[in-house]
Amino acid sequence: MAEYIYGIASVKYGTVEPCTTVPLMPAATGMTQWAYTVKGSLTISEDESTTTEFFVEETTTAVHSIVTDAGQLKVTWRAYDITPALVAVMKGGTASGNGVYNYYYGPDTVEAQELALEVTTTDGSVFAIPKASCLGRFDSVVGRENLLEMEVVATALDPGSTVEKWPYRIRTTA
């Protein structure tokens, strides 16, 4: 029977677990819901892999091909919620508040935030990334008919595990 994945139920983040931990993903209680996702903005894609072909003099067709760089899995999404604490999760920097105003202070140096990510879809499928490099940025038009959006691009990284080696996992509902 075919399995179909659709819709976004949640995007959660957590602390990257030590590389000797099994399971690699934080427990469900260690994951925190991030902001709601802008409708239609979440994409999951893999970069095209890079290959090297080997040729001989006697033919113009390659005799062998190897993958030299695998395509990386990337998850990109946008959110309208610009709560300083949520912005700081994906952009770094600091958030503070005084009971009246909340503040976000951008970082002196932009660095990717390494987080565990979990994207749950409407049908109950789960994309689990134990270690992702997350870069957030503000990117939108602001006006009477527009809200400021923050875009996040998360790239699955090798978790460095000596126990399990998988940069991402997809659990479907069978």
N, C-alpha and C. Protein backbone atom coordinates (compact mmCIF):
# COMPACT_ATOMS: atom_id res chain seq x y z
N MET A 1 0.83 -1.17 0.00
CA MET A 1 0.00 0.00 0.00
C MET A 1 0.88 1.24 0.00
N ALA A 2 0.51 2.22 -0.77
CA ALA A 2 1.28 3.46 -0.88
C ALA A 2 1.17 4.26 0.42
N GLU A 3 2.24 4.97 0.75
CA GLU A 3 2.23 5.86 1.90
C GLU A 3 2.46 7.28 1.39
N TYR A 4 1.66 8.21 1.88
CA TYR A 4 1.75 9.60 1.46
C TYR A 4 2.01 10.46 2.68
N ILE A 5 2.87 11.45 2.51
CA ILE A 5 3.22 12.37 3.58
C ILE A 5 2.70 13.75 3.19
N TYR A 6 1.97 14.40 4.10
CA TYR A 6 1.39 15.70 3.77
C TYR A 6 1.16 16.53 5.02
N GLY A 7 1.13 17.83 4.84
CA GLY A 7 0.78 18.77 5.91
C GLY A 7 1.85 18.89 6.98
N ILE A 8 1.78 19.93 7.76
CA ILE A 8 2.72 20.16 8.86
C ILE A 8 1.93 20.25 10.16
N ALA A 9 2.24 19.37 11.11
CA ALA A 9 1.60 19.41 12.43
C ALA A 9 2.47 20.20 13.40
N SER A 10 3.80 20.04 13.30
CA SER A 10 4.69 20.78 14.20
C SER A 10 6.13 20.72 13.73
N VAL A 11 6.88 21.74 14.16
CA VAL A 11 8.33 21.76 14.02
C VAL A 11 8.85 21.93 15.45
N LYS A 12 9.66 20.95 15.89
CA LYS A 12 10.20 20.99 17.25
C LYS A 12 11.71 20.97 17.21
N TYR A 13 12.32 21.48 18.27
CA TYR A 13 13.77 21.49 18.39
C TYR A 13 14.16 21.02 19.78
N GLY A 14 15.41 20.57 19.88
CA GLY A 14 15.94 20.13 21.16
C GLY A 14 17.46 20.21 21.13
N THR A 15 18.06 19.85 22.24
CA THR A 15 19.51 19.85 22.37
C THR A 15 20.08 18.61 21.69
N VAL A 16 21.18 18.79 20.97
CA VAL A 16 21.86 17.66 20.34
C VAL A 16 22.38 16.75 21.46
N GLU A 17 22.06 15.46 21.34
CA GLU A 17 22.49 14.48 22.34
C GLU A 17 23.96 14.11 22.14
N PRO A 18 24.64 13.65 23.21
CA PRO A 18 26.03 13.20 23.06
C PRO A 18 26.09 12.06 22.04
N CYS A 19 27.20 11.97 21.32
CA CYS A 19 27.31 11.01 20.22
C CYS A 19 27.29 9.55 20.68
N THR A 20 27.39 9.28 21.97
CA THR A 20 27.35 7.89 22.44
C THR A 20 25.96 7.50 22.94
N THR A 21 25.01 8.42 22.85
CA THR A 21 23.67 8.18 23.36
C THR A 21 22.82 7.42 22.35
N VAL A 22 22.04 6.46 22.84
CA VAL A 22 21.04 5.78 22.01
C VAL A 22 19.73 5.93 22.75
N PRO A 23 18.66 6.41 22.17
CA PRO A 23 18.61 6.87 20.78
C PRO A 23 19.31 8.22 20.61
N LEU A 24 19.58 8.54 19.36
CA LEU A 24 20.27 9.79 19.05
C LEU A 24 19.40 11.01 19.30
N MET A 25 18.10 10.87 19.11
CA MET A 25 17.18 12.00 19.28
C MET A 25 16.86 12.21 20.75
N PRO A 26 16.65 13.45 21.16
CA PRO A 26 16.21 13.71 22.54
C PRO A 26 14.84 13.05 22.77
N ALA A 27 14.54 12.77 24.02
CA ALA A 27 13.22 12.23 24.36
C ALA A 27 12.16 13.26 23.99
N ALA A 28 10.94 12.79 23.80
CA ALA A 28 9.83 13.68 23.42
C ALA A 28 9.71 14.85 24.40
N THR A 29 9.97 14.60 25.67
CA THR A 29 9.89 15.67 26.67
C THR A 29 11.02 16.68 26.53
N GLY A 30 12.06 16.32 25.79
CA GLY A 30 13.19 17.23 25.57
C GLY A 30 13.06 18.05 24.30
N MET A 31 11.94 17.90 23.61
CA MET A 31 11.72 18.65 22.38
C MET A 31 10.72 19.77 22.65
N THR A 32 10.95 20.94 22.05
CA THR A 32 10.11 22.11 22.26
C THR A 32 9.53 22.57 20.93
N GLN A 33 8.24 22.87 20.94
CA GLN A 33 7.59 23.39 19.73
C GLN A 33 8.17 24.75 19.38
N TRP A 34 8.54 24.93 18.13
CA TRP A 34 8.97 26.24 17.66
C TRP A 34 7.75 26.96 17.15
N ALA A 35 7.88 28.05 16.45
CA ALA A 35 6.75 28.85 15.98
C ALA A 35 5.94 28.09 14.93
N TYR A 36 4.67 28.49 14.76
CA TYR A 36 3.86 27.93 13.68
C TYR A 36 4.51 28.27 12.34
N THR A 37 4.30 27.38 11.37
CA THR A 37 4.90 27.50 10.05
C THR A 37 3.98 28.27 9.11
N VAL A 38 4.56 29.22 8.36
CA VAL A 38 3.79 29.94 7.35
C VAL A 38 3.26 28.93 6.34
N LYS A 39 2.00 29.02 6.02
CA LYS A 39 1.35 28.09 5.10
C LYS A 39 2.14 27.95 3.80
N GLY A 40 2.43 26.71 3.44
CA GLY A 40 3.10 26.41 2.18
C GLY A 40 4.59 26.72 2.14
N SER A 41 5.20 27.03 3.29
CA SER A 41 6.60 27.46 3.25
C SER A 41 7.61 26.35 3.56
N LEU A 42 7.17 25.24 4.14
CA LEU A 42 8.14 24.22 4.54
C LEU A 42 8.49 23.34 3.35
N THR A 43 9.79 23.25 3.08
CA THR A 43 10.26 22.35 2.03
C THR A 43 11.30 21.40 2.61
N ILE A 44 11.28 20.18 2.11
CA ILE A 44 12.28 19.18 2.47
C ILE A 44 12.91 18.76 1.15
N SER A 45 14.22 18.98 1.03
CA SER A 45 14.87 18.66 -0.24
C SER A 45 16.30 18.17 0.01
N GLU A 46 16.77 17.40 -0.94
CA GLU A 46 18.16 16.94 -0.91
C GLU A 46 18.91 17.59 -2.06
N ASP A 47 20.09 18.08 -1.76
CA ASP A 47 20.95 18.60 -2.83
C ASP A 47 21.30 17.43 -3.74
N GLU A 48 21.56 17.74 -4.98
CA GLU A 48 21.99 16.70 -5.91
C GLU A 48 23.38 16.23 -5.52
N SER A 49 23.59 14.91 -5.55
CA SER A 49 24.91 14.36 -5.22
C SER A 49 25.91 14.69 -6.31
N THR A 50 27.17 14.79 -5.93
CA THR A 50 28.26 15.02 -6.88
C THR A 50 28.90 13.67 -7.18
N THR A 51 29.10 13.40 -8.45
CA THR A 51 29.72 12.13 -8.84
C THR A 51 30.97 12.40 -9.67
N THR A 52 31.82 11.42 -9.69
CA THR A 52 33.00 11.46 -10.55
C THR A 52 32.96 10.23 -11.45
N GLU A 53 33.12 10.47 -12.75
CA GLU A 53 33.12 9.38 -13.72
C GLU A 53 34.56 9.10 -14.14
N PHE A 54 34.82 7.84 -14.42
CA PHE A 54 36.15 7.41 -14.84
C PHE A 54 36.08 6.90 -16.27
N PHE A 55 37.01 7.38 -17.09
CA PHE A 55 37.03 7.07 -18.52
C PHE A 55 38.33 6.36 -18.89
N VAL A 56 38.24 5.58 -19.92
CA VAL A 56 39.42 4.95 -20.51
C VAL A 56 39.57 5.48 -21.93
N GLU A 57 40.72 5.26 -22.51
CA GLU A 57 41.00 5.77 -23.85
C GLU A 57 40.18 5.10 -24.94
N GLU A 58 39.79 3.85 -24.69
CA GLU A 58 39.18 3.08 -25.75
C GLU A 58 37.70 3.35 -25.99
N THR A 59 37.04 4.08 -25.11
CA THR A 59 35.62 4.35 -25.27
C THR A 59 35.28 5.73 -24.71
N THR A 60 34.20 6.31 -25.21
CA THR A 60 33.79 7.63 -24.72
C THR A 60 32.77 7.51 -23.58
N THR A 61 32.42 6.30 -23.23
CA THR A 61 31.47 6.05 -22.14
C THR A 61 32.25 5.76 -20.86
N ALA A 62 31.80 6.30 -19.76
CA ALA A 62 32.47 6.06 -18.48
C ALA A 62 32.44 4.57 -18.15
N VAL A 63 33.53 4.09 -17.54
CA VAL A 63 33.59 2.69 -17.14
C VAL A 63 33.22 2.50 -15.66
N HIS A 64 33.21 3.62 -14.92
CA HIS A 64 32.84 3.54 -13.51
C HIS A 64 32.45 4.93 -13.02
N SER A 65 31.59 4.97 -12.04
CA SER A 65 31.15 6.24 -11.47
C SER A 65 31.03 6.08 -9.96
N ILE A 66 31.50 7.07 -9.20
CA ILE A 66 31.38 7.03 -7.74
C ILE A 66 30.77 8.34 -7.24
N VAL A 67 30.09 8.26 -6.13
CA VAL A 67 29.54 9.45 -5.48
C VAL A 67 30.66 10.03 -4.61
N THR A 68 31.05 11.27 -4.90
CA THR A 68 32.11 11.90 -4.13
C THR A 68 31.56 12.79 -3.01
N ASP A 69 30.38 13.34 -3.20
CA ASP A 69 29.71 14.13 -2.17
C ASP A 69 28.22 13.83 -2.25
N ALA A 70 27.68 13.27 -1.18
CA ALA A 70 26.24 12.99 -1.16
C ALA A 70 25.47 14.29 -0.99
N GLY A 71 24.30 14.35 -1.57
CA GLY A 71 23.45 15.52 -1.39
C GLY A 71 23.00 15.62 0.06
N GLN A 72 23.00 16.82 0.60
CA GLN A 72 22.59 17.02 1.99
C GLN A 72 21.09 17.24 2.07
N LEU A 73 20.47 16.69 3.11
CA LEU A 73 19.05 16.92 3.36
C LEU A 73 18.90 18.30 3.99
N LYS A 74 17.99 19.11 3.43
CA LYS A 74 17.73 20.44 3.97
C LYS A 74 16.24 20.62 4.20
N VAL A 75 15.92 21.23 5.31
CA VAL A 75 14.54 21.57 5.64
C VAL A 75 14.51 23.10 5.75
N THR A 76 13.62 23.72 5.00
CA THR A 76 13.49 25.17 5.02
C THR A 76 12.05 25.52 5.35
N TRP A 77 11.86 26.47 6.25
CA TRP A 77 10.51 26.91 6.57
C TRP A 77 10.53 28.36 7.03
N ARG A 78 9.35 28.93 7.11
CA ARG A 78 9.19 30.32 7.52
C ARG A 78 8.17 30.41 8.66
N ALA A 79 8.33 31.44 9.47
CA ALA A 79 7.39 31.68 10.57
C ALA A 79 7.11 33.17 10.68
N TYR A 80 5.92 33.48 11.12
CA TYR A 80 5.55 34.88 11.38
C TYR A 80 5.90 35.30 12.81
N ASP A 81 5.92 34.36 13.74
CA ASP A 81 6.11 34.66 15.15
C ASP A 81 7.55 35.13 15.39
N ILE A 82 7.68 36.39 15.74
CA ILE A 82 9.00 36.99 15.95
C ILE A 82 9.23 37.24 17.45
N THR A 83 8.71 36.38 18.29
CA THR A 83 8.97 36.44 19.72
C THR A 83 10.48 36.35 19.92
N PRO A 84 11.11 37.29 20.62
CA PRO A 84 12.57 37.29 20.75
C PRO A 84 13.17 35.96 21.19
N ALA A 85 12.55 35.27 22.12
CA ALA A 85 13.10 33.99 22.57
C ALA A 85 13.12 32.96 21.44
N LEU A 86 12.10 32.96 20.57
CA LEU A 86 12.06 32.04 19.44
C LEU A 86 13.11 32.42 18.39
N VAL A 87 13.27 33.70 18.15
CA VAL A 87 14.27 34.17 17.18
C VAL A 87 15.66 33.74 17.64
N ALA A 88 15.95 33.91 18.92
CA ALA A 88 17.27 33.57 19.46
C ALA A 88 17.59 32.09 19.30
N VAL A 89 16.59 31.23 19.32
CA VAL A 89 16.83 29.79 19.15
C VAL A 89 17.49 29.51 17.82
N MET A 90 17.01 30.11 16.75
CA MET A 90 17.51 29.81 15.41
C MET A 90 18.57 30.78 14.90
N LYS A 91 18.65 31.98 15.47
CA LYS A 91 19.61 32.97 15.01
C LYS A 91 20.77 33.19 15.98
N GLY A 92 20.67 32.67 17.18
CA GLY A 92 21.66 33.02 18.19
C GLY A 92 21.28 34.38 18.76
N GLY A 93 22.22 35.06 19.37
CA GLY A 93 21.89 36.32 20.01
C GLY A 93 21.21 36.06 21.34
N THR A 94 20.61 37.10 21.90
CA THR A 94 19.94 36.95 23.20
C THR A 94 18.58 37.60 23.18
N ALA A 95 17.73 37.10 24.06
CA ALA A 95 16.39 37.65 24.23
C ALA A 95 16.23 38.04 25.69
N SER A 96 15.51 39.12 25.91
CA SER A 96 15.22 39.53 27.28
C SER A 96 13.89 40.28 27.28
N GLY A 97 13.37 40.49 28.45
CA GLY A 97 12.12 41.22 28.59
C GLY A 97 12.03 41.84 29.96
N ASN A 98 11.19 42.87 30.08
CA ASN A 98 11.05 43.54 31.37
C ASN A 98 9.61 43.55 31.85
N GLY A 99 8.78 42.71 31.27
CA GLY A 99 7.38 42.68 31.66
C GLY A 99 6.51 43.58 30.80
N VAL A 100 7.11 44.56 30.17
CA VAL A 100 6.38 45.48 29.28
C VAL A 100 6.82 45.26 27.83
N TYR A 101 8.13 45.20 27.63
CA TYR A 101 8.69 45.02 26.29
C TYR A 101 9.58 43.78 26.27
N ASN A 102 9.61 43.12 25.12
CA ASN A 102 10.56 42.02 24.89
C ASN A 102 11.58 42.51 23.88
N TYR A 103 12.83 42.07 24.05
CA TYR A 103 13.91 42.51 23.19
C TYR A 103 14.66 41.32 22.61
N TYR A 104 15.10 41.50 21.36
CA TYR A 104 16.01 40.55 20.74
C TYR A 104 17.26 41.32 20.39
N TYR A 105 18.42 40.82 20.83
CA TYR A 105 19.71 41.42 20.53
C TYR A 105 20.45 40.47 19.61
N GLY A 106 20.68 40.91 18.36
CA GLY A 106 21.37 40.07 17.39
C GLY A 106 22.78 39.74 17.84
N PRO A 107 23.31 38.62 17.35
CA PRO A 107 24.66 38.20 17.76
C PRO A 107 25.74 39.06 17.11
N ASP A 108 26.87 39.19 17.79
CA ASP A 108 28.02 39.90 17.21
C ASP A 108 28.52 39.16 15.98
N THR A 109 28.54 37.85 16.06
CA THR A 109 29.01 37.00 14.97
C THR A 109 27.92 35.99 14.66
N VAL A 110 27.55 35.88 13.40
CA VAL A 110 26.51 34.93 13.00
C VAL A 110 27.12 33.53 12.94
N GLU A 111 26.51 32.61 13.65
CA GLU A 111 26.93 31.22 13.65
C GLU A 111 25.70 30.35 13.53
N ALA A 112 25.85 29.22 12.85
CA ALA A 112 24.76 28.27 12.77
C ALA A 112 24.49 27.70 14.16
N GLN A 113 23.23 27.46 14.45
CA GLN A 113 22.84 26.86 15.73
C GLN A 113 22.68 25.36 15.50
N GLU A 114 23.37 24.54 16.28
CA GLU A 114 23.24 23.09 16.13
C GLU A 114 22.14 22.60 17.06
N LEU A 115 21.09 22.05 16.45
CA LEU A 115 19.92 21.60 17.19
C LEU A 115 19.45 20.25 16.66
N ALA A 116 18.77 19.51 17.49
CA ALA A 116 18.02 18.34 17.04
C ALA A 116 16.68 18.87 16.55
N LEU A 117 16.20 18.36 15.41
CA LEU A 117 14.93 18.82 14.85
C LEU A 117 13.99 17.65 14.62
N GLU A 118 12.70 17.95 14.76
CA GLU A 118 11.67 16.95 14.49
C GLU A 118 10.51 17.65 13.79
N VAL A 119 10.22 17.21 12.57
CA VAL A 119 9.10 17.75 11.82
C VAL A 119 8.04 16.65 11.76
N THR A 120 6.88 16.93 12.33
CA THR A 120 5.77 15.98 12.32
C THR A 120 4.74 16.47 11.32
N THR A 121 4.29 15.56 10.47
CA THR A 121 3.33 15.93 9.44
C THR A 121 1.90 15.61 9.89
N THR A 122 0.95 16.14 9.17
CA THR A 122 -0.46 15.96 9.50
C THR A 122 -0.86 14.49 9.52
N ASP A 123 -0.25 13.70 8.65
CA ASP A 123 -0.59 12.28 8.58
C ASP A 123 0.11 11.46 9.67
N GLY A 124 0.96 12.09 10.50
CA GLY A 124 1.63 11.40 11.60
C GLY A 124 3.04 10.94 11.30
N SER A 125 3.54 11.21 10.11
CA SER A 125 4.93 10.88 9.80
C SER A 125 5.85 11.85 10.52
N VAL A 126 7.08 11.38 10.82
CA VAL A 126 8.03 12.21 11.56
C VAL A 126 9.39 12.18 10.87
N PHE A 127 9.92 13.36 10.59
CA PHE A 127 11.28 13.51 10.11
C PHE A 127 12.12 13.86 11.34
N ALA A 128 13.06 13.01 11.68
CA ALA A 128 13.92 13.22 12.85
C ALA A 128 15.34 13.50 12.38
N ILE A 129 15.91 14.62 12.83
CA ILE A 129 17.28 14.99 12.49
C ILE A 129 18.01 15.20 13.82
N PRO A 130 18.89 14.26 14.21
CA PRO A 130 19.53 14.37 15.52
C PRO A 130 20.50 15.54 15.65
N LYS A 131 21.07 16.00 14.51
CA LYS A 131 22.00 17.13 14.56
C LYS A 131 21.83 17.92 13.27
N ALA A 132 21.33 19.13 13.39
CA ALA A 132 21.11 19.99 12.23
C ALA A 132 21.79 21.32 12.43
N SER A 133 22.36 21.85 11.37
CA SER A 133 22.92 23.19 11.36
C SER A 133 21.80 24.13 10.94
N CYS A 134 21.36 24.99 11.84
CA CYS A 134 20.20 25.87 11.59
C CYS A 134 20.64 27.32 11.46
N LEU A 135 20.22 27.94 10.36
CA LEU A 135 20.49 29.36 10.14
C LEU A 135 19.17 30.08 9.93
N GLY A 136 18.89 31.04 10.78
CA GLY A 136 17.68 31.83 10.67
C GLY A 136 18.01 33.20 10.11
N ARG A 137 17.05 33.76 9.38
CA ARG A 137 17.23 35.12 8.86
C ARG A 137 15.86 35.75 8.64
N PHE A 138 15.82 37.06 8.78
CA PHE A 138 14.60 37.80 8.46
C PHE A 138 14.59 37.99 6.96
N ASP A 139 13.45 37.72 6.32
CA ASP A 139 13.39 37.82 4.87
C ASP A 139 11.94 37.96 4.44
N SER A 140 11.47 39.18 4.31
CA SER A 140 10.11 39.38 3.81
C SER A 140 9.83 40.86 3.62
N VAL A 141 8.72 41.11 3.01
CA VAL A 141 8.20 42.46 2.87
C VAL A 141 7.37 42.75 4.12
N VAL A 142 7.49 43.94 4.67
CA VAL A 142 6.66 44.32 5.82
C VAL A 142 5.78 45.48 5.36
N GLY A 143 4.50 45.33 5.54
CA GLY A 143 3.58 46.37 5.11
C GLY A 143 2.19 46.11 5.64
N ARG A 144 1.25 46.88 5.17
CA ARG A 144 -0.13 46.78 5.63
C ARG A 144 -0.70 45.39 5.40
N GLU A 145 -0.27 44.73 4.33
CA GLU A 145 -0.81 43.42 3.98
C GLU A 145 0.20 42.30 4.18
N ASN A 146 1.31 42.58 4.89
CA ASN A 146 2.36 41.59 5.07
C ASN A 146 2.85 41.58 6.50
N LEU A 147 3.21 40.39 6.98
CA LEU A 147 3.85 40.24 8.27
C LEU A 147 5.32 39.92 8.05
N LEU A 148 6.17 40.38 8.96
CA LEU A 148 7.58 40.02 8.90
C LEU A 148 7.71 38.51 9.04
N GLU A 149 8.55 37.92 8.21
CA GLU A 149 8.78 36.48 8.27
C GLU A 149 10.23 36.20 8.61
N MET A 150 10.43 35.12 9.33
CA MET A 150 11.77 34.61 9.59
C MET A 150 11.89 33.29 8.87
N GLU A 151 12.95 33.15 8.07
CA GLU A 151 13.20 31.89 7.37
C GLU A 151 14.29 31.13 8.10
N VAL A 152 14.12 29.82 8.19
CA VAL A 152 15.14 28.96 8.78
C VAL A 152 15.52 27.91 7.74
N VAL A 153 16.82 27.72 7.57
CA VAL A 153 17.33 26.64 6.73
C VAL A 153 18.12 25.71 7.65
N ALA A 154 17.68 24.46 7.73
CA ALA A 154 18.34 23.47 8.57
C ALA A 154 18.94 22.40 7.68
N THR A 155 20.21 22.11 7.88
CA THR A 155 20.92 21.10 7.10
C THR A 155 21.28 19.95 8.03
N ALA A 156 20.87 18.73 7.64
CA ALA A 156 21.19 17.55 8.44
C ALA A 156 22.70 17.31 8.43
N LEU A 157 23.27 17.09 9.62
CA LEU A 157 24.70 16.82 9.76
C LEU A 157 24.91 15.40 10.25
N ASP A 158 26.11 14.90 10.06
CA ASP A 158 26.49 13.61 10.63
C ASP A 158 26.47 13.78 12.15
N PRO A 159 25.71 12.95 12.87
CA PRO A 159 25.62 13.14 14.32
C PRO A 159 26.89 12.76 15.06
N GLY A 160 27.85 12.14 14.37
CA GLY A 160 29.11 11.79 15.02
C GLY A 160 28.98 10.61 15.96
N SER A 161 27.91 9.85 15.83
CA SER A 161 27.66 8.75 16.75
C SER A 161 28.59 7.58 16.49
N THR A 162 29.06 7.00 17.57
CA THR A 162 29.84 5.77 17.46
C THR A 162 28.93 4.55 17.58
N VAL A 163 27.65 4.80 17.89
CA VAL A 163 26.69 3.72 18.09
C VAL A 163 25.78 3.56 16.88
N GLU A 164 25.20 4.65 16.41
CA GLU A 164 24.33 4.66 15.24
C GLU A 164 24.81 5.75 14.29
N LYS A 165 24.68 5.51 12.99
CA LYS A 165 25.08 6.53 12.02
C LYS A 165 23.95 6.77 11.05
N TRP A 166 23.16 7.78 11.32
CA TRP A 166 22.13 8.22 10.37
C TRP A 166 21.90 9.71 10.59
N PRO A 167 22.06 10.50 9.53
CA PRO A 167 21.87 11.94 9.66
C PRO A 167 20.40 12.35 9.74
N TYR A 168 19.49 11.46 9.31
CA TYR A 168 18.07 11.71 9.46
C TYR A 168 17.31 10.39 9.37
N ARG A 169 16.09 10.44 9.88
CA ARG A 169 15.21 9.27 9.86
C ARG A 169 13.81 9.74 9.53
N ILE A 170 13.10 8.94 8.75
CA ILE A 170 11.69 9.24 8.43
C ILE A 170 10.86 8.08 8.95
N ARG A 171 9.96 8.39 9.85
CA ARG A 171 9.02 7.38 10.34
C ARG A 171 7.67 7.65 9.72
N THR A 172 7.14 6.67 9.01
CA THR A 172 5.82 6.83 8.40
C THR A 172 4.80 6.02 9.16
N THR A 173 3.55 6.26 8.88
CA THR A 173 2.48 5.53 9.54
C THR A 173 2.01 4.41 8.62
N ALA A 174 2.38 3.20 8.98
CA ALA A 174 2.00 2.05 8.16
C ALA A 174 0.84 1.30 8.78
